[in-house]
Amino acid sequence: MTNTLRAFLEGGPDDLPERVVPLTTPGNDLKVPFRGGYEHFRVTTRRKDTPEGQLPVYEWWERTEFPG
């Protein structure tokens, strides 16, 4: 078992390459760089069983574009 905190991402683009991502600050929103912008995810109260154990679920809520 690893000490790295992880989160499960729900929603957002179907072709998002990773659904289990490192979590640096539990409880804070996540920003995932993807295709010239960021996909934003908010923490929920739910948890999901994954091959890496039970992880907190972060739900997609918006996309922002990189400037320029």
Protein backbone atom coordinates (compact mmCIF):
# COMPACT_ATOMS: atom_id res chain seq x y z
CA MET A 1 0.00 0.00 0.00
CA THR A 2 1.26 3.46 -0.89
CA ASN A 3 1.30 6.59 1.29
CA THR A 4 0.41 8.81 -1.67
CA LEU A 5 -3.07 10.24 -1.35
CA ARG A 6 -5.24 9.72 -4.42
CA ALA A 7 -8.67 10.75 -5.67
CA PHE A 8 -11.16 9.32 -8.16
CA LEU A 9 -12.39 11.76 -10.84
CA GLU A 10 -16.00 11.51 -11.96
CA GLY A 11 -17.46 13.30 -14.98
CA GLY A 12 -15.69 15.64 -17.35
CA PRO A 13 -14.34 14.60 -20.76
CA ASP A 14 -14.79 10.92 -21.65
CA ASP A 15 -11.22 10.78 -22.95
CA LEU A 16 -9.56 12.16 -19.80
CA PRO A 17 -6.47 9.92 -19.55
CA GLU A 18 -6.49 9.34 -15.79
CA ARG A 19 -9.42 8.80 -13.42
CA VAL A 20 -7.26 8.14 -10.36
CA VAL A 21 -4.96 11.07 -9.66
CA PRO A 22 -2.59 12.20 -6.89
CA LEU A 23 -4.21 14.37 -4.24
CA THR A 24 -1.97 17.01 -2.68
CA THR A 25 -4.46 18.76 -0.38
CA PRO A 26 -7.50 16.68 0.63
CA GLY A 27 -10.79 18.59 0.56
CA ASN A 28 -9.63 21.26 -1.92
CA ASP A 29 -10.75 21.51 -5.53
CA LEU A 30 -8.56 19.83 -8.16
CA LYS A 31 -7.38 21.38 -11.43
CA VAL A 32 -6.33 18.88 -14.08
CA PRO A 33 -4.51 20.21 -17.19
CA PHE A 34 -6.10 18.79 -20.34
CA ARG A 35 -6.25 19.89 -24.01
CA GLY A 36 -5.24 23.52 -23.64
CA GLY A 37 -7.12 24.18 -20.42
CA TYR A 38 -8.04 22.87 -17.00
CA GLU A 39 -10.79 20.50 -15.95
CA HIS A 40 -12.01 21.48 -12.48
CA PHE A 41 -13.24 18.92 -9.95
CA ARG A 42 -14.87 19.46 -6.53
CA VAL A 43 -14.74 17.07 -3.62
CA THR A 44 -17.93 15.16 -2.73
CA THR A 45 -18.85 13.18 0.36
CA ARG A 46 -18.82 9.97 -1.67
CA ARG A 47 -16.10 7.33 -1.90
CA LYS A 48 -15.42 4.77 -4.64
CA ASP A 49 -13.91 1.31 -4.45
CA THR A 50 -11.00 1.08 -6.89
CA PRO A 51 -8.07 -1.32 -7.39
CA GLU A 52 -6.08 1.21 -5.31
CA GLY A 53 -8.55 1.05 -2.42
CA GLN A 54 -11.48 3.24 -1.44
CA LEU A 55 -10.89 6.78 -2.71
CA PRO A 56 -12.68 10.11 -2.30
CA VAL A 57 -14.77 11.07 -5.34
CA TYR A 58 -14.15 14.44 -6.99
CA GLU A 59 -16.88 15.56 -9.38
CA TRP A 60 -16.30 17.63 -12.54
CA TRP A 61 -17.88 21.09 -12.46
CA GLU A 62 -16.21 23.31 -15.07
CA ARG A 63 -13.51 23.82 -17.67
CA THR A 64 -11.30 26.85 -18.13
CA GLU A 65 -9.02 27.58 -21.10
CA PHE A 66 -5.34 28.52 -20.93
CA PRO A 67 -4.84 32.19 -21.84
CA GLY A 68 -3.67 32.98 -25.34
